[in-house]
C-alpha atoms as a PDB file:
ATOM      1  CA  MET A   1       0.141  -0.011   0.000  1.00  0.00           C
ATOM      2  CA  ARG A   2       2.768   2.387   0.863  1.00  0.00           C
ATOM      3  CA  VAL A   3       3.975   2.277  -3.018  1.00  0.00           C
ATOM      4  CA  ILE A   4       0.552   3.024  -3.998  1.00  0.00           C
ATOM      5  CA  GLU A   5       0.059   5.832  -1.400  1.00  0.00           C
ATOM      6  CA  SER A   6       3.408   7.189  -2.163  1.00  0.00           C
ATOM      7  CA  ASP A   7       3.725  10.782  -4.261  1.00  0.00           C
ATOM      8  CA  ALA A   8       5.145   8.668  -7.008  1.00  0.00           C
ATOM      9  CA  GLY A   9       2.389   6.359  -6.884  1.00  0.00           C
ATOM     10  CA  GLN A  10      -0.348   8.830  -6.481  1.00  0.00           C
ATOM     11  CA  SER A  11       0.968  11.011  -9.421  1.00  0.00           C
ATOM     12  CA  ALA A  12       1.719   8.168 -12.122  1.00  0.00           C
ATOM     13  CA  TRP A  13      -0.583   8.309 -14.783  1.00  0.00           C
ATOM     14  CA  GLU A  14       0.054   4.535 -15.156  1.00  0.00           C
ATOM     15  CA  LEU A  15       0.310   2.956 -12.002  1.00  0.00           C
ATOM     16  CA  GLY A  16       1.674  -0.239 -13.476  1.00  0.00           C
ATOM     17  CA  GLU A  17       4.754   1.740 -14.702  1.00  0.00           C
ATOM     18  CA  HIS A  18       5.324   2.898 -11.039  1.00  0.00           C
ATOM     19  CA  ILE A  19       4.850  -0.567  -9.616  1.00  0.00           C
ATOM     20  CA  SER A  20       7.345  -2.177 -12.151  1.00  0.00           C
ATOM     21  CA  THR A  21      10.278  -0.014 -10.793  1.00  0.00           C
ATOM     22  CA  GLN A  22       9.506  -1.112  -7.181  1.00  0.00           C
ATOM     23  CA  LYS A  23      10.895  -4.104  -5.237  1.00  0.00           C
ATOM     24  CA  PHE A  24       9.515  -6.013  -2.375  1.00  0.00           C
ATOM     25  CA  PRO A  25      11.804  -6.321   0.962  1.00  0.00           C
ATOM     26  CA  ASP A  26      13.185  -9.547  -0.528  1.00  0.00           C
ATOM     27  CA  GLY A  27      14.339  -7.770  -3.726  1.00  0.00           C
ATOM     28  CA  MET A  28      11.812  -9.247  -6.073  1.00  0.00           C
ATOM     29  CA  ASN A  29      10.096  -7.117  -8.696  1.00  0.00           C
ATOM     30  CA  MET A  30       6.879  -5.880  -7.344  1.00  0.00           C
ATOM     31  CA  LEU A  31       4.828  -5.973 -10.673  1.00  0.00           C
ATOM     32  CA  ALA A  32       5.995  -9.524 -11.769  1.00  0.00           C
ATOM     33  CA  ILE A  33       5.310 -11.103  -8.398  1.00  0.00           C
ATOM     34  CA  LEU A  34       1.719  -9.672  -8.259  1.00  0.00           C
ATOM     35  CA  HIS A  35       1.175 -10.693 -11.688  1.00  0.00           C
ATOM     36  CA  GLU A  36       2.806 -14.203 -11.257  1.00  0.00           C
ATOM     37  CA  GLU A  37       1.010 -15.019  -8.033  1.00  0.00           C
ATOM     38  CA  ASN A  38      -2.250 -13.909  -9.422  1.00  0.00           C
ATOM     39  CA  TYR A  39      -2.849 -11.222  -7.227  1.00  0.00           C
ATOM     40  CA  ILE A  40      -3.817  -9.054 -10.211  1.00  0.00           C
ATOM     41  CA  LYS A  41      -6.952  -9.696 -11.600  1.00  0.00           C
ATOM     42  CA  LYS A  42      -9.135  -8.466 -14.552  1.00  0.00           C
ATOM     43  CA  LEU A  43     -12.458  -7.074 -13.723  1.00  0.00           C
ATOM     44  CA  PRO A  44     -14.942  -5.021 -15.494  1.00  0.00           C
ATOM     45  CA  THR A  45     -14.359  -1.352 -14.412  1.00  0.00           C
ATOM     46  CA  LYS A  46     -18.000  -1.110 -13.454  1.00  0.00           C
ATOM     47  CA  ASP A  47     -17.579  -3.712 -10.734  1.00  0.00           C
ATOM     48  CA  ILE A  48     -14.659  -1.598  -8.986  1.00  0.00           C
ATOM     49  CA  MET A  49     -15.439   1.211  -6.517  1.00  0.00           C
ATOM     50  CA  VAL A  50     -12.617   3.912  -6.392  1.00  0.00           C
ATOM     51  CA  THR A  51     -12.707   5.476  -2.814  1.00  0.00           C
ATOM     52  CA  PHE A  52     -11.447   8.645  -1.572  1.00  0.00           C
ATOM     53  CA  GLY A  53     -12.164  10.217   2.169  1.00  0.00           C
ATOM     54  CA  THR A  54     -14.548   8.475   4.540  1.00  0.00           C
ATOM     55  CA  SER A  55     -17.840   9.632   3.239  1.00  0.00           C
ATOM     56  CA  LYS A  56     -20.069   8.266   0.684  1.00  0.00           C
ATOM     57  CA  ASP A  57     -19.359  11.265  -1.343  1.00  0.00           C
ATOM     58  CA  GLY A  58     -15.874   9.713  -1.912  1.00  0.00           C
ATOM     59  CA  ARG A  59     -16.801   6.804  -3.933  1.00  0.00           C
ATOM     60  CA  ILE A  60     -17.287   6.572  -7.778  1.00  0.00           C
ATOM     61  CA  PRO A  61     -17.269   3.472 -10.051  1.00  0.00           C
ATOM     62  CA  LEU A  62     -14.106   3.046 -11.909  1.00  0.00           C
ATOM     63  CA  ASN A  63     -15.742   3.123 -15.245  1.00  0.00           C
ATOM     64  CA  GLU A  64     -17.190   6.678 -14.381  1.00  0.00           C
ATOM     65  CA  LEU A  65     -13.930   8.009 -13.149  1.00  0.00           C
ATOM     66  CA  ASN A  66     -12.267   6.572 -16.600  1.00  0.00           C
ATOM     67  CA  GLN A  67     -14.787   8.589 -18.381  1.00  0.00           C
ATOM     68  CA  MET A  68     -14.238  11.846 -16.570  1.00  0.00           C
ATOM     69  CA  LEU A  69     -10.534  11.332 -16.880  1.00  0.00           C
ATOM     70  CA  ALA A  70     -10.927  10.794 -20.873  1.00  0.00           C
ATOM     71  CA  ASP A  71     -13.161  13.794 -21.123  1.00  0.00           C
ATOM     72  CA  GLU A  72     -10.634  15.956 -19.174  1.00  0.00           C
ATOM     73  CA  LYS A  73      -7.762  14.765 -21.681  1.00  0.00           C
ATOM     74  CA  GLY A  74     -10.103  14.820 -24.918  1.00  0.00           C
ATOM     75  CA  THR A  75      -9.672  11.273 -25.788  1.00  0.00           C
ATOM     76  CA  SER A  76     -11.643   8.035 -25.358  1.00  0.00           C
ATOM     77  CA  VAL A  77     -11.634   5.823 -22.412  1.00  0.00           C
ATOM     78  CA  ASP A  78     -10.215   3.077 -24.890  1.00  0.00           C
ATOM     79  CA  LYS A  79      -7.168   5.173 -25.448  1.00  0.00           C
ATOM     80  CA  LEU A  80      -6.556   6.120 -21.895  1.00  0.00           C
ATOM     81  CA  GLY A  81      -4.191   3.175 -21.128  1.00  0.00           C
ATOM     82  CA  THR A  82      -2.026   3.464 -24.262  1.00  0.00           C
ATOM     83  CA  SER A  83       1.182   5.480 -24.129  1.00  0.00           C
ATOM     84  CA  GLU A  84       3.954   6.208 -26.794  1.00  0.00           C
ATOM     85  CA  LYS A  85       6.381   5.099 -24.091  1.00  0.00           C
ATOM     86  CA  SER A  86       6.956   1.345 -24.254  1.00  0.00           C
ATOM     87  CA  THR A  87       7.061  -0.512 -21.074  1.00  0.00           C
ATOM     88  CA  SER A  88       9.701  -3.372 -20.763  1.00  0.00           C
ATOM     89  CA  THR A  89       8.432  -6.563 -19.354  1.00  0.00           C
ATOM     90  CA  VAL A  90       9.558  -7.537 -16.091  1.00  0.00           C
ATOM     91  CA  LYS A  91      10.312 -10.924 -15.037  1.00  0.00           C
ATOM     92  CA  SER A  92      11.241 -12.504 -11.591  1.00  0.00           C
ATOM     93  CA  ASN A  93      13.558 -15.055 -10.597  1.00  0.00           C
ATOM     94  CA  ARG A  94      11.352 -16.219  -7.767  1.00  0.00           C
ATOM     95  CA  LYS A  95      11.243 -20.215  -7.421  1.00  0.00           C
ATOM     96  CA  ASN A  96       7.761 -22.048  -6.744  1.00  0.00           C
ATOM     97  CA  VAL A  97       5.749 -19.410  -8.047  1.00  0.00           C
ATOM     98  CA  LYS A  98       2.159 -20.362  -8.096  1.00  0.00           C
ATOM     99  CA  LYS A  99       0.704 -20.579 -12.008  1.00  0.00           C
ATOM    100  CA  THR A 100      -1.655 -17.927 -12.751  1.00  0.00           C
ATOM    101  CA  THR A 101      -5.079 -18.862 -14.199  1.00  0.00           C
ATOM    102  CA  LYS A 102      -6.752 -17.066 -17.056  1.00  0.00           C
ATOM    103  CA  VAL A 103      -9.716 -14.922 -16.135  1.00  0.00           C
END
């Protein structure tokens, strides 16, 4: 959570790019392990509630937030996750990693 809550995590346009540069205390790449151990799941954005603050006013479905961001950037939701900058694939050397399942 500290990585996500950090200034860099909060200011990153693509959180995955920030997480890919971070390591767990054992030195393993954070994004690679989260992916390999199936902690990252693909879900419809309408099923994800983004929260900020403690009141009900601080809740918004991710699909609505994405639409607001797309409108602000003058683009479509489909193009929000695309970037001209290529992201390198990260791999871990951790042994005995659980196999991931397709969602």
